[in-house]
PDB file of N, CA and C in Angstrom:
ATOM      1  N   MET A   1     102.601  36.526  38.673  1.00  0.00           N
ATOM      2  CA  MET A   1     103.873  37.228  38.766  1.00  0.00           C
ATOM      3  C   MET A   1     104.365  37.556  37.358  1.00  0.00           C
ATOM      4  N   GLY A   2     105.282  38.504  37.300  1.00  0.00           N
ATOM      5  CA  GLY A   2     105.892  38.875  36.034  1.00  0.00           C
ATOM      6  C   GLY A   2     107.095  37.993  35.754  1.00  0.00           C
ATOM      7  N   THR A   3     108.014  38.507  34.991  1.00  0.00           N
ATOM      8  CA  THR A   3     109.228  37.780  34.658  1.00  0.00           C
ATOM      9  C   THR A   3     110.313  38.094  35.669  1.00  0.00           C
ATOM     10  N   ARG A   4     110.981  37.059  36.167  1.00  0.00           N
ATOM     11  CA  ARG A   4     112.071  37.236  37.135  1.00  0.00           C
ATOM     12  C   ARG A   4     113.324  37.670  36.384  1.00  0.00           C
ATOM     13  N   LEU A   5     113.894  38.821  36.767  1.00  0.00           N
ATOM     14  CA  LEU A   5     115.088  39.368  36.136  1.00  0.00           C
ATOM     15  C   LEU A   5     116.207  39.507  37.158  1.00  0.00           C
ATOM     16  N   ARG A   6     117.445  39.583  36.677  1.00  0.00           N
ATOM     17  CA  ARG A   6     118.621  39.679  37.535  1.00  0.00           C
ATOM     18  C   ARG A   6     118.945  41.152  37.818  1.00  0.00           C
ATOM     19  N   TYR A   7     119.197  41.459  39.099  1.00  0.00           N
ATOM     20  CA  TYR A   7     119.527  42.812  39.542  1.00  0.00           C
ATOM     21  C   TYR A   7     120.735  42.775  40.459  1.00  0.00           C
ATOM     22  N   ARG A   8     121.388  43.927  40.616  1.00  0.00           N
ATOM     23  CA  ARG A   8     122.472  44.099  41.594  1.00  0.00           C
ATOM     24  C   ARG A   8     122.166  45.327  42.437  1.00  0.00           C
ATOM     25  N   ARG A   9     122.531  45.230  43.696  1.00  0.00           N
ATOM     26  CA  ARG A   9     122.390  46.378  44.596  1.00  0.00           C
ATOM     27  C   ARG A   9     123.371  47.456  44.139  1.00  0.00           C
ATOM     28  N   ARG A  10     122.942  48.687  44.132  1.00  0.00           N
ATOM     29  CA  ARG A  10     123.825  49.791  43.762  1.00  0.00           C
ATOM     30  C   ARG A  10     124.963  49.859  44.777  1.00  0.00           C
ATOM     31  N   PRO A  11     126.207  49.952  44.319  1.00  0.00           N
ATOM     32  CA  PRO A  11     127.345  49.927  45.241  1.00  0.00           C
ATOM     33  C   PRO A  11     127.408  51.130  46.180  1.00  0.00           C
ATOM     34  N   ASP A  12     126.706  52.209  45.835  1.00  0.00           N
ATOM     35  CA  ASP A  12     126.705  53.399  46.693  1.00  0.00           C
ATOM     36  C   ASP A  12     125.573  53.364  47.723  1.00  0.00           C
ATOM     37  N   ARG A  13     124.970  52.181  47.940  1.00  0.00           N
ATOM     38  CA  ARG A  13     123.869  52.028  48.889  1.00  0.00           C
ATOM     39  C   ARG A  13     124.198  50.957  49.933  1.00  0.00           C
ATOM     40  N   PRO A  14     125.231  51.206  50.782  1.00  0.00           N
ATOM     41  CA  PRO A  14     125.603  50.205  51.789  1.00  0.00           C
ATOM     42  C   PRO A  14     124.595  50.159  52.936  1.00  0.00           C
ATOM     43  N   VAL A  15     124.701  49.107  53.731  1.00  0.00           N
ATOM     44  CA  VAL A  15     123.941  48.983  54.966  1.00  0.00           C
ATOM     45  C   VAL A  15     124.927  48.990  56.129  1.00  0.00           C
ATOM     46  N   THR A  16     124.420  49.271  57.313  1.00  0.00           N
ATOM     47  CA  THR A  16     125.191  49.119  58.544  1.00  0.00           C
ATOM     48  C   THR A  16     124.694  47.833  59.201  1.00  0.00           C
ATOM     49  N   ALA A  17     125.636  47.004  59.676  1.00  0.00           N
ATOM     50  CA  ALA A  17     125.204  45.732  60.252  1.00  0.00           C
ATOM     51  C   ALA A  17     126.142  45.286  61.360  1.00  0.00           C
ATOM     52  N   VAL A  18     125.575  44.520  62.296  1.00  0.00           N
ATOM     53  CA  VAL A  18     126.349  43.922  63.370  1.00  0.00           C
ATOM     54  C   VAL A  18     125.839  42.494  63.560  1.00  0.00           C
ATOM     55  N   ARG A  19     126.767  41.579  63.762  1.00  0.00           N
ATOM     56  CA  ARG A  19     126.410  40.181  63.984  1.00  0.00           C
ATOM     57  C   ARG A  19     125.948  40.009  65.423  1.00  0.00           C
ATOM     58  N   LEU A  20     124.840  39.332  65.622  1.00  0.00           N
ATOM     59  CA  LEU A  20     124.297  39.081  66.952  1.00  0.00           C
ATOM     60  C   LEU A  20     124.935  37.821  67.525  1.00  0.00           C
ATOM     61  N   ASP A  21     126.207  37.952  67.849  1.00  0.00           N
ATOM     62  CA  ASP A  21     126.975  36.835  68.385  1.00  0.00           C
ATOM     63  C   ASP A  21     126.911  36.891  69.910  1.00  0.00           C
ATOM     64  N   LEU A  22     125.719  36.668  70.428  1.00  0.00           N
ATOM     65  CA  LEU A  22     125.449  36.709  71.862  1.00  0.00           C
ATOM     66  C   LEU A  22     124.922  35.352  72.295  1.00  0.00           C
ATOM     67  N   ASP A  23     125.049  35.055  73.561  1.00  0.00           N
ATOM     68  CA  ASP A  23     124.543  33.801  74.096  1.00  0.00           C
ATOM     69  C   ASP A  23     123.031  33.930  74.301  1.00  0.00           C
ATOM     70  N   ILE A  24     122.291  33.833  73.184  1.00  0.00           N
ATOM     71  CA  ILE A  24     120.836  33.956  73.208  1.00  0.00           C
ATOM     72  C   ILE A  24     120.232  32.829  72.373  1.00  0.00           C
ATOM     73  N   ASP A  25     118.994  32.497  72.688  1.00  0.00           N
ATOM     74  CA  ASP A  25     118.255  31.544  71.858  1.00  0.00           C
ATOM     75  C   ASP A  25     117.715  32.242  70.625  1.00  0.00           C
ATOM     76  N   GLY A  26     117.531  33.532  70.718  1.00  0.00           N
ATOM     77  CA  GLY A  26     116.949  34.325  69.643  1.00  0.00           C
ATOM     78  C   GLY A  26     115.841  35.192  70.207  1.00  0.00           C
ATOM     79  N   PHE A  27     115.170  35.907  69.317  1.00  0.00           N
ATOM     80  CA  PHE A  27     114.044  36.734  69.739  1.00  0.00           C
ATOM     81  C   PHE A  27     113.119  36.948  68.558  1.00  0.00           C
ATOM     82  N   SER A  28     111.901  37.310  68.853  1.00  0.00           N
ATOM     83  CA  SER A  28     110.926  37.594  67.805  1.00  0.00           C
ATOM     84  C   SER A  28     110.614  39.083  67.801  1.00  0.00           C
ATOM     85  N   PHE A  29     110.144  39.557  66.652  1.00  0.00           N
ATOM     86  CA  PHE A  29     109.741  40.952  66.515  1.00  0.00           C
ATOM     87  C   PHE A  29     108.719  41.043  65.389  1.00  0.00           C
ATOM     88  N   ARG A  30     107.920  42.112  65.405  1.00  0.00           N
ATOM     89  CA  ARG A  30     106.898  42.306  64.364  1.00  0.00           C
ATOM     90  C   ARG A  30     107.434  43.229  63.285  1.00  0.00           C
ATOM     91  N   LYS A  31     107.316  42.784  62.044  1.00  0.00           N
ATOM     92  CA  LYS A  31     107.735  43.593  60.901  1.00  0.00           C
ATOM     93  C   LYS A  31     107.096  43.004  59.648  1.00  0.00           C
ATOM     94  N   TRP A  32     106.828  43.823  58.675  1.00  0.00           N
ATOM     95  CA  TRP A  32     106.308  43.401  57.371  1.00  0.00           C
ATOM     96  C   TRP A  32     104.993  42.626  57.479  1.00  0.00           C
ATOM     97  N   GLY A  33     104.182  42.977  58.493  1.00  0.00           N
ATOM     98  CA  GLY A  33     102.871  42.360  58.626  1.00  0.00           C
ATOM     99  C   GLY A  33     102.874  40.989  59.265  1.00  0.00           C
ATOM    100  N   ASP A  34     103.973  40.589  59.913  1.00  0.00           N
ATOM    101  CA  ASP A  34     104.034  39.269  60.534  1.00  0.00           C
ATOM    102  C   ASP A  34     105.092  39.265  61.635  1.00  0.00           C
ATOM    103  N   VAL A  35     105.156  38.183  62.378  1.00  0.00           N
ATOM    104  CA  VAL A  35     106.191  38.002  63.389  1.00  0.00           C
ATOM    105  C   VAL A  35     107.430  37.433  62.706  1.00  0.00           C
ATOM    106  N   GLN A  36     108.579  38.043  62.979  1.00  0.00           N
ATOM    107  CA  GLN A  36     109.861  37.588  62.431  1.00  0.00           C
ATOM    108  C   GLN A  36     110.651  36.950  63.569  1.00  0.00           C
ATOM    109  N   TRP A  37     111.568  36.079  63.235  1.00  0.00           N
ATOM    110  CA  TRP A  37     112.372  35.395  64.238  1.00  0.00           C
ATOM    111  C   TRP A  37     113.847  35.543  63.906  1.00  0.00           C
ATOM    112  N   CYS A  38     114.645  35.863  64.907  1.00  0.00           N
ATOM    113  CA  CYS A  38     116.087  36.020  64.779  1.00  0.00           C
ATOM    114  C   CYS A  38     116.752  35.018  65.711  1.00  0.00           C
ATOM    115  N   LYS A  39     117.910  34.504  65.301  1.00  0.00           N
ATOM    116  CA  LYS A  39     118.630  33.549  66.143  1.00  0.00           C
ATOM    117  C   LYS A  39     120.078  33.974  66.318  1.00  0.00           C
ATOM    118  N   ARG A  40     120.752  33.336  67.254  1.00  0.00           N
ATOM    119  CA  ARG A  40     122.154  33.641  67.522  1.00  0.00           C
ATOM    120  C   ARG A  40     122.953  33.553  66.222  1.00  0.00           C
ATOM    121  N   GLY A  41     123.809  34.548  65.996  1.00  0.00           N
ATOM    122  CA  GLY A  41     124.664  34.583  64.811  1.00  0.00           C
ATOM    123  C   GLY A  41     124.077  35.344  63.643  1.00  0.00           C
ATOM    124  N   ASP A  42     122.756  35.613  63.653  1.00  0.00           N
ATOM    125  CA  ASP A  42     122.151  36.403  62.586  1.00  0.00           C
ATOM    126  C   ASP A  42     122.693  37.824  62.650  1.00  0.00           C
ATOM    127  N   TRP A  43     122.411  38.591  61.637  1.00  0.00           N
ATOM    128  CA  TRP A  43     122.901  39.961  61.538  1.00  0.00           C
ATOM    129  C   TRP A  43     121.743  40.939  61.707  1.00  0.00           C
ATOM    130  N   LEU A  44     121.973  41.996  62.497  1.00  0.00           N
ATOM    131  CA  LEU A  44     121.029  43.092  62.658  1.00  0.00           C
ATOM    132  C   LEU A  44     121.457  44.173  61.670  1.00  0.00           C
ATOM    133  N   VAL A  45     120.581  44.484  60.728  1.00  0.00           N
ATOM    134  CA  VAL A  45     120.903  45.368  59.611  1.00  0.00           C
ATOM    135  C   VAL A  45     120.093  46.655  59.707  1.00  0.00           C
ATOM    136  N   ASP A  46     120.764  47.783  59.471  1.00  0.00           N
ATOM    137  CA  ASP A  46     120.102  49.083  59.332  1.00  0.00           C
ATOM    138  C   ASP A  46     120.279  49.493  57.879  1.00  0.00           C
ATOM    139  N   ASN A  47     119.203  49.409  57.126  1.00  0.00           N
ATOM    140  CA  ASN A  47     119.196  49.719  55.699  1.00  0.00           C
ATOM    141  C   ASN A  47     118.499  51.060  55.508  1.00  0.00           C
ATOM    142  N   GLU A  48     119.273  52.141  55.695  1.00  0.00           N
ATOM    143  CA  GLU A  48     118.744  53.494  55.545  1.00  0.00           C
ATOM    144  C   GLU A  48     117.532  53.729  56.440  1.00  0.00           C
ATOM    145  N   GLY A  49     117.631  53.273  57.697  1.00  0.00           N
ATOM    146  CA  GLY A  49     116.562  53.466  58.657  1.00  0.00           C
ATOM    147  C   GLY A  49     115.578  52.316  58.756  1.00  0.00           C
ATOM    148  N   ASP A  50     115.621  51.400  57.828  1.00  0.00           N
ATOM    149  CA  ASP A  50     114.783  50.201  57.871  1.00  0.00           C
ATOM    150  C   ASP A  50     115.609  49.114  58.561  1.00  0.00           C
ATOM    151  N   VAL A  51     115.232  48.753  59.789  1.00  0.00           N
ATOM    152  CA  VAL A  51     116.030  47.830  60.597  1.00  0.00           C
ATOM    153  C   VAL A  51     115.374  46.452  60.613  1.00  0.00           C
ATOM    154  N   TYR A  52     116.181  45.421  60.358  1.00  0.00           N
ATOM    155  CA  TYR A  52     115.689  44.039  60.314  1.00  0.00           C
ATOM    156  C   TYR A  52     116.868  43.096  60.509  1.00  0.00           C
ATOM    157  N   THR A  53     116.589  41.814  60.594  1.00  0.00           N
ATOM    158  CA  THR A  53     117.654  40.827  60.732  1.00  0.00           C
ATOM    159  C   THR A  53     117.797  40.030  59.442  1.00  0.00           C
ATOM    160  N   VAL A  54     119.004  39.496  59.253  1.00  0.00           N
ATOM    161  CA  VAL A  54     119.304  38.636  58.099  1.00  0.00           C
ATOM    162  C   VAL A  54     119.952  37.361  58.625  1.00  0.00           C
ATOM    163  N   ASP A  55     119.497  36.243  58.139  1.00  0.00           N
ATOM    164  CA  ASP A  55     120.055  34.937  58.496  1.00  0.00           C
ATOM    165  C   ASP A  55     121.574  34.951  58.353  1.00  0.00           C
ATOM    166  N   ALA A  56     122.275  34.346  59.315  1.00  0.00           N
ATOM    167  CA  ALA A  56     123.745  34.370  59.351  1.00  0.00           C
ATOM    168  C   ALA A  56     124.363  33.835  58.064  1.00  0.00           C
ATOM    169  N   ASP A  57     123.924  32.669  57.615  1.00  0.00           N
ATOM    170  CA  ASP A  57     124.507  32.071  56.404  1.00  0.00           C
ATOM    171  C   ASP A  57     124.228  32.915  55.164  1.00  0.00           C
ATOM    172  N   VAL A  58     123.030  33.454  55.064  1.00  0.00           N
ATOM    173  CA  VAL A  58     122.671  34.290  53.919  1.00  0.00           C
ATOM    174  C   VAL A  58     123.518  35.559  53.909  1.00  0.00           C
ATOM    175  N   PHE A  59     123.680  36.190  55.069  1.00  0.00           N
ATOM    176  CA  PHE A  59     124.457  37.432  55.134  1.00  0.00           C
ATOM    177  C   PHE A  59     125.896  37.189  54.680  1.00  0.00           C
ATOM    178  N   VAL A  60     126.529  36.159  55.218  1.00  0.00           N
ATOM    179  CA  VAL A  60     127.933  35.871  54.872  1.00  0.00           C
ATOM    180  C   VAL A  60     128.078  35.558  53.381  1.00  0.00           C
ATOM    181  N   ARG A  61     127.081  34.894  52.823  1.00  0.00           N
ATOM    182  CA  ARG A  61     127.139  34.499  51.405  1.00  0.00           C
ATOM    183  C   ARG A  61     126.864  35.676  50.460  1.00  0.00           C
ATOM    184  N   THR A  62     126.062  36.645  50.889  1.00  0.00           N
ATOM    185  CA  THR A  62     125.602  37.668  49.942  1.00  0.00           C
ATOM    186  C   THR A  62     126.145  39.077  50.152  1.00  0.00           C
ATOM    187  N   TYR A  63     126.685  39.370  51.339  1.00  0.00           N
ATOM    188  CA  TYR A  63     127.198  40.717  51.609  1.00  0.00           C
ATOM    189  C   TYR A  63     128.719  40.714  51.675  1.00  0.00           C
ATOM    190  N   ARG A  64     129.307  41.861  51.319  1.00  0.00           N
ATOM    191  CA  ARG A  64     130.758  42.035  51.475  1.00  0.00           C
ATOM    192  C   ARG A  64     131.004  43.318  52.256  1.00  0.00           C
ATOM    193  N   LYS A  65     132.061  43.263  53.084  1.00  0.00           N
ATOM    194  CA  LYS A  65     132.394  44.397  53.947  1.00  0.00           C
ATOM    195  C   LYS A  65     132.979  45.532  53.119  1.00  0.00           C
ATOM    196  N   THR A  66     132.521  46.771  53.408  1.00  0.00           N
ATOM    197  CA  THR A  66     133.033  47.940  52.704  1.00  0.00           C
ATOM    198  C   THR A  66     133.742  48.904  53.654  1.00  0.00           C
ATOM    199  N   GLY A  67     133.598  48.699  54.947  1.00  0.00           N
ATOM    200  CA  GLY A  67     134.217  49.557  55.951  1.00  0.00           C
ATOM    201  C   GLY A  67     133.814  49.075  57.317  1.00  0.00           C
ATOM    202  N   PRO A  68     134.226  49.782  58.376  1.00  0.00           N
ATOM    203  CA  PRO A  68     133.858  49.374  59.729  1.00  0.00           C
ATOM    204  C   PRO A  68     132.333  49.372  59.908  1.00  0.00           C
ATOM    205  N   GLY A  69     131.744  48.195  60.013  1.00  0.00           N
ATOM    206  CA  GLY A  69     130.312  48.059  60.220  1.00  0.00           C
ATOM    207  C   GLY A  69     129.450  48.314  59.004  1.00  0.00           C
ATOM    208  N   THR A  70     130.064  48.524  57.836  1.00  0.00           N
ATOM    209  CA  THR A  70     129.276  48.771  56.628  1.00  0.00           C
ATOM    210  C   THR A  70     129.495  47.643  55.623  1.00  0.00           C
ATOM    211  N   PHE A  71     128.418  47.332  54.912  1.00  0.00           N
ATOM    212  CA  PHE A  71     128.425  46.220  53.972  1.00  0.00           C
ATOM    213  C   PHE A  71     127.559  46.584  52.767  1.00  0.00           C
ATOM    214  N   VAL A  72     127.859  45.951  51.642  1.00  0.00           N
ATOM    215  CA  VAL A  72     127.009  46.096  50.471  1.00  0.00           C
ATOM    216  C   VAL A  72     126.699  44.695  49.960  1.00  0.00           C
ATOM    217  N   LYS A  73     125.500  44.529  49.473  1.00  0.00           N
ATOM    218  CA  LYS A  73     125.131  43.229  48.926  1.00  0.00           C
ATOM    219  C   LYS A  73     125.929  43.036  47.653  1.00  0.00           C
ATOM    220  N   GLY A  74     126.784  42.038  47.634  1.00  0.00           N
ATOM    221  CA  GLY A  74     127.700  41.836  46.518  1.00  0.00           C
ATOM    222  C   GLY A  74     127.246  40.816  45.505  1.00  0.00           C
ATOM    223  N   THR A  75     126.196  40.078  45.810  1.00  0.00           N
ATOM    224  CA  THR A  75     125.713  39.072  44.869  1.00  0.00           C
ATOM    225  C   THR A  75     124.456  39.569  44.187  1.00  0.00           C
ATOM    226  N   ALA A  76     124.194  39.033  43.026  1.00  0.00           N
ATOM    227  CA  ALA A  76     122.988  39.389  42.286  1.00  0.00           C
ATOM    228  C   ALA A  76     121.758  38.813  42.973  1.00  0.00           C
ATOM    229  N   VAL A  77     120.624  39.437  42.720  1.00  0.00           N
ATOM    230  CA  VAL A  77     119.328  38.912  43.148  1.00  0.00           C
ATOM    231  C   VAL A  77     118.459  38.793  41.902  1.00  0.00           C
ATOM    232  N   TRP A  78     117.403  38.025  42.032  1.00  0.00           N
ATOM    233  CA  TRP A  78     116.426  37.896  40.962  1.00  0.00           C
ATOM    234  C   TRP A  78     115.121  38.458  41.489  1.00  0.00           C
ATOM    235  N   ALA A  79     114.447  39.279  40.706  1.00  0.00           N
ATOM    236  CA  ALA A  79     113.241  39.953  41.193  1.00  0.00           C
ATOM    237  C   ALA A  79     112.194  40.055  40.101  1.00  0.00           C
ATOM    238  N   GLU A  80     110.957  40.101  40.550  1.00  0.00           N
ATOM    239  CA  GLU A  80     109.830  40.296  39.644  1.00  0.00           C
ATOM    240  C   GLU A  80     108.767  41.100  40.372  1.00  0.00           C
ATOM    241  N   ALA A  81     108.038  41.901  39.616  1.00  0.00           N
ATOM    242  CA  ALA A  81     106.971  42.716  40.206  1.00  0.00           C
ATOM    243  C   ALA A  81     105.753  41.837  40.474  1.00  0.00           C
ATOM    244  N   ALA A  82     105.158  42.027  41.637  1.00  0.00           N
ATOM    245  CA  ALA A  82     103.954  41.281  42.003  1.00  0.00           C
ATOM    246  C   ALA A  82     102.773  41.798  41.198  1.00  0.00           C
ATOM    247  N   THR A  83     101.969  40.890  40.662  1.00  0.00           N
ATOM    248  CA  THR A  83     100.787  41.267  39.881  1.00  0.00           C
ATOM    249  C   THR A  83      99.529  41.311  40.738  1.00  0.00           C
ATOM    250  N   SER A  84      99.652  40.875  41.999  1.00  0.00           N
ATOM    251  CA  SER A  84      98.537  40.955  42.941  1.00  0.00           C
ATOM    252  C   SER A  84      99.118  40.930  44.357  1.00  0.00           C
ATOM    253  N   PRO A  85      98.354  41.376  45.354  1.00  0.00           N
ATOM    254  CA  PRO A  85      98.849  41.336  46.732  1.00  0.00           C
ATOM    255  C   PRO A  85      99.081  39.892  47.178  1.00  0.00           C
ATOM    256  N   GLY A  86      99.954  39.727  48.158  1.00  0.00           N
ATOM    257  CA  GLY A  86     100.195  38.384  48.666  1.00  0.00           C
ATOM    258  C   GLY A  86     101.156  38.386  49.833  1.00  0.00           C
ATOM    259  N   ARG A  87     101.735  37.224  50.072  1.00  0.00           N
ATOM    260  CA  ARG A  87     102.666  37.026  51.177  1.00  0.00           C
ATOM    261  C   ARG A  87     103.733  36.050  50.709  1.00  0.00           C
ATOM    262  N   VAL A  88     104.980  36.342  51.076  1.00  0.00           N
ATOM    263  CA  VAL A  88     106.084  35.446  50.758  1.00  0.00           C
ATOM    264  C   VAL A  88     106.690  34.957  52.072  1.00  0.00           C
ATOM    265  N   VAL A  89     106.955  33.658  52.147  1.00  0.00           N
ATOM    266  CA  VAL A  89     107.595  33.078  53.327  1.00  0.00           C
ATOM    267  C   VAL A  89     109.090  33.340  53.233  1.00  0.00           C
ATOM    268  N   THR A  90     109.679  33.825  54.332  1.00  0.00           N
ATOM    269  CA  THR A  90     111.104  34.137  54.387  1.00  0.00           C
ATOM    270  C   THR A  90     111.785  33.240  55.418  1.00  0.00           C
ATOM    271  N   LYS A  91     113.095  33.338  55.515  1.00  0.00           N
ATOM    272  CA  LYS A  91     113.828  32.570  56.525  1.00  0.00           C
ATOM    273  C   LYS A  91     113.498  33.060  57.936  1.00  0.00           C
ATOM    274  N   GLU A  92     113.070  34.308  58.061  1.00  0.00           N
ATOM    275  CA  GLU A  92     112.796  34.896  59.372  1.00  0.00           C
ATOM    276  C   GLU A  92     111.322  34.891  59.742  1.00  0.00           C
ATOM    277  N   GLY A  93     110.432  34.657  58.790  1.00  0.00           N
ATOM    278  CA  GLY A  93     108.991  34.709  59.031  1.00  0.00           C
ATOM    279  C   GLY A  93     108.265  34.771  57.706  1.00  0.00           C
ATOM    280  N   SER A  94     107.538  35.860  57.484  1.00  0.00           N
ATOM    281  CA  SER A  94     106.922  36.099  56.180  1.00  0.00           C
ATOM    282  C   SER A  94     106.754  37.600  55.991  1.00  0.00           C
ATOM    283  N   THR A  95     106.547  37.998  54.742  1.00  0.00           N
ATOM    284  CA  THR A  95     106.395  39.406  54.401  1.00  0.00           C
ATOM    285  C   THR A  95     105.174  39.575  53.512  1.00  0.00           C
ATOM    286  N   ASN A  96     104.309  40.496  53.865  1.00  0.00           N
ATOM    287  CA  ASN A  96     103.170  40.848  53.015  1.00  0.00           C
ATOM    288  C   ASN A  96     103.634  41.827  51.954  1.00  0.00           C
ATOM    289  N   TYR A  97     103.039  41.758  50.773  1.00  0.00           N
ATOM    290  CA  TYR A  97     103.379  42.701  49.701  1.00  0.00           C
ATOM    291  C   TYR A  97     102.117  43.095  48.948  1.00  0.00           C
ATOM    292  N   GLU A  98     102.227  44.198  48.219  1.00  0.00           N
ATOM    293  CA  GLU A  98     101.124  44.743  47.429  1.00  0.00           C
ATOM    294  C   GLU A  98     101.441  44.614  45.944  1.00  0.00           C
ATOM    295  N   THR A  99     100.454  44.779  45.116  1.00  0.00           N
ATOM    296  CA  THR A  99     100.646  44.788  43.665  1.00  0.00           C
ATOM    297  C   THR A  99     101.709  45.829  43.314  1.00  0.00           C
ATOM    298  N   GLY A 100     102.669  45.451  42.499  1.00  0.00           N
ATOM    299  CA  GLY A 100     103.732  46.361  42.077  1.00  0.00           C
ATOM    300  C   GLY A 100     104.987  46.264  42.915  1.00  0.00           C
ATOM    301  N   ASP A 101     104.877  45.754  44.162  1.00  0.00           N
ATOM    302  CA  ASP A 101     106.075  45.523  44.961  1.00  0.00           C
ATOM    303  C   ASP A 101     106.899  44.431  44.281  1.00  0.00           C
ATOM    304  N   TYR A 102     108.137  44.310  44.686  1.00  0.00           N
ATOM    305  CA  TYR A 102     109.013  43.303  44.089  1.00  0.00           C
ATOM    306  C   TYR A 102     109.164  42.097  45.011  1.00  0.00           C
ATOM    307  N   ILE A 103     109.060  40.915  44.423  1.00  0.00           N
ATOM    308  CA  ILE A 103     109.398  39.676  45.096  1.00  0.00           C
ATOM    309  C   ILE A 103     110.837  39.397  44.685  1.00  0.00           C
ATOM    310  N   VAL A 104     111.731  39.377  45.657  1.00  0.00           N
ATOM    311  CA  VAL A 104     113.169  39.296  45.408  1.00  0.00           C
ATOM    312  C   VAL A 104     113.679  37.965  45.945  1.00  0.00           C
ATOM    313  N   SER A 105     114.563  37.317  45.189  1.00  0.00           N
ATOM    314  CA  SER A 105     115.137  36.035  45.597  1.00  0.00           C
ATOM    315  C   SER A 105     116.651  36.122  45.555  1.00  0.00           C
ATOM    316  N   ASN A 106     117.293  35.548  46.560  1.00  0.00           N
ATOM    317  CA  ASN A 106     118.751  35.455  46.521  1.00  0.00           C
ATOM    318  C   ASN A 106     119.210  34.377  45.546  1.00  0.00           C
ATOM    319  N   ASN A 107     118.307  33.486  45.171  1.00  0.00           N
ATOM    320  CA  ASN A 107     118.643  32.386  44.268  1.00  0.00           C
ATOM    321  C   ASN A 107     117.833  32.482  42.984  1.00  0.00           C
ATOM    322  N   GLU A 108     118.452  32.117  41.887  1.00  0.00           N
ATOM    323  CA  GLU A 108     117.806  32.228  40.577  1.00  0.00           C
ATOM    324  C   GLU A 108     116.499  31.438  40.495  1.00  0.00           C
ATOM    325  N   ASP A 109     116.408  30.338  41.238  1.00  0.00           N
ATOM    326  CA  ASP A 109     115.199  29.506  41.186  1.00  0.00           C
ATOM    327  C   ASP A 109     114.039  30.074  41.996  1.00  0.00           C
ATOM    328  N   GLY A 110     114.222  31.253  42.602  1.00  0.00           N
ATOM    329  CA  GLY A 110     113.151  31.901  43.350  1.00  0.00           C
ATOM    330  C   GLY A 110     113.137  31.576  44.828  1.00  0.00           C
ATOM    331  N   THR A 111     114.072  30.751  45.293  1.00  0.00           N
ATOM    332  CA  THR A 111     114.123  30.421  46.714  1.00  0.00           C
ATOM    333  C   THR A 111     114.875  31.495  47.485  1.00  0.00           C
ATOM    334  N   ASP A 112     114.752  31.435  48.801  1.00  0.00           N
ATOM    335  CA  ASP A 112     115.315  32.447  49.703  1.00  0.00           C
ATOM    336  C   ASP A 112     114.777  33.815  49.301  1.00  0.00           C
ATOM    337  N   ALA A 113     113.456  33.920  49.306  1.00  0.00           N
ATOM    338  CA  ALA A 113     112.760  35.107  48.802  1.00  0.00           C
ATOM    339  C   ALA A 113     112.318  36.038  49.920  1.00  0.00           C
ATOM    340  N   TYR A 114     112.061  37.274  49.528  1.00  0.00           N
ATOM    341  CA  TYR A 114     111.523  38.307  50.407  1.00  0.00           C
ATOM    342  C   TYR A 114     110.880  39.350  49.515  1.00  0.00           C
ATOM    343  N   ALA A 115     110.190  40.324  50.090  1.00  0.00           N
ATOM    344  CA  ALA A 115     109.513  41.359  49.306  1.00  0.00           C
ATOM    345  C   ALA A 115     110.047  42.735  49.670  1.00  0.00           C
ATOM    346  N   ILE A 116     110.082  43.623  48.673  1.00  0.00           N
ATOM    347  CA  ILE A 116     110.505  45.017  48.865  1.00  0.00           C
ATOM    348  C   ILE A 116     109.526  45.902  48.089  1.00  0.00           C
ATOM    349  N   GLY A 117     109.137  47.008  48.694  1.00  0.00           N
ATOM    350  CA  GLY A 117     108.263  47.956  48.014  1.00  0.00           C
ATOM    351  C   GLY A 117     108.883  48.466  46.724  1.00  0.00           C
ATOM    352  N   LYS A 118     108.049  48.785  45.750  1.00  0.00           N
ATOM    353  CA  LYS A 118     108.487  49.199  44.415  1.00  0.00           C
ATOM    354  C   LYS A 118     109.467  50.370  44.442  1.00  0.00           C
ATOM    355  N   VAL A 119     109.115  51.459  45.114  1.00  0.00           N
ATOM    356  CA  VAL A 119     109.959  52.662  45.119  1.00  0.00           C
ATOM    357  C   VAL A 119     111.317  52.361  45.758  1.00  0.00           C
ATOM    358  N   LYS A 120     111.301  51.672  46.881  1.00  0.00           N
ATOM    359  CA  LYS A 120     112.548  51.350  47.563  1.00  0.00           C
ATOM    360  C   LYS A 120     113.423  50.429  46.714  1.00  0.00           C
ATOM    361  N   PHE A 121     112.823  49.381  46.145  1.00  0.00           N
ATOM    362  CA  PHE A 121     113.599  48.451  45.330  1.00  0.00           C
ATOM    363  C   PHE A 121     114.249  49.180  44.156  1.00  0.00           C
ATOM    364  N   GLU A 122     113.485  49.990  43.450  1.00  0.00           N
ATOM    365  CA  GLU A 122     114.011  50.661  42.264  1.00  0.00           C
ATOM    366  C   GLU A 122     115.075  51.700  42.613  1.00  0.00           C
ATOM    367  N   SER A 123     115.086  52.203  43.844  1.00  0.00           N
ATOM    368  CA  SER A 123     116.139  53.145  44.245  1.00  0.00           C
ATOM    369  C   SER A 123     117.417  52.419  44.682  1.00  0.00           C
ATOM    370  N   MET A 124     117.283  51.174  45.148  1.00  0.00           N
ATOM    371  CA  MET A 124     118.438  50.440  45.665  1.00  0.00           C
ATOM    372  C   MET A 124     119.088  49.476  44.661  1.00  0.00           C
ATOM    373  N   TYR A 125     118.339  49.040  43.664  1.00  0.00           N
ATOM    374  CA  TYR A 125     118.833  48.015  42.739  1.00  0.00           C
ATOM    375  C   TYR A 125     118.802  48.504  41.306  1.00  0.00           C
ATOM    376  N   GLU A 126     119.680  47.929  40.489  1.00  0.00           N
ATOM    377  CA  GLU A 126     119.692  48.205  39.056  1.00  0.00           C
ATOM    378  C   GLU A 126     119.817  46.882  38.308  1.00  0.00           C
ATOM    379  N   ARG A 127     119.309  46.855  37.078  1.00  0.00           N
ATOM    380  CA  ARG A 127     119.397  45.626  36.274  1.00  0.00           C
ATOM    381  C   ARG A 127     120.845  45.238  36.099  1.00  0.00           C
ATOM    382  N   ASP A 128     121.137  43.948  36.252  1.00  0.00           N
ATOM    383  CA  ASP A 128     122.475  43.391  36.069  1.00  0.00           C
ATOM    384  C   ASP A 128     122.618  42.999  34.613  1.00  0.00           C
ATOM    385  N   LYS A 129     123.710  43.400  34.032  1.00  0.00           N
ATOM    386  CA  LYS A 129     123.913  43.118  32.604  1.00  0.00           C
ATOM    387  C   LYS A 129     124.596  41.807  32.372  1.00  0.00           C
TER     388      LYS A 129
END
């Protein structure tokens, strides 16, 4: 891996989200090359057509409301470009990535990680000063 640097989501790139506050045990779905798992209270996110779930605690801690059903990630993330293909374990399952994609962490120590393709990451995030 490369060097982990601090980034912020561009404020003009909100997501649409709804909390799955239903009487359900959860459900599974296929995404990012693996089976993902969602549970009651998690958030269903539409990120410019890319739809996925986010753990309830993570969403509340990292996103802020910008309007009815819209949110922007308000906390910094730490990211580094992958130097080889691989897989990162996430709270929902795991994500496969390719060389050059970004391994992104909600925590500075690299925990609570996920992967985002290079082009998408660079369009949504900017270096935090």
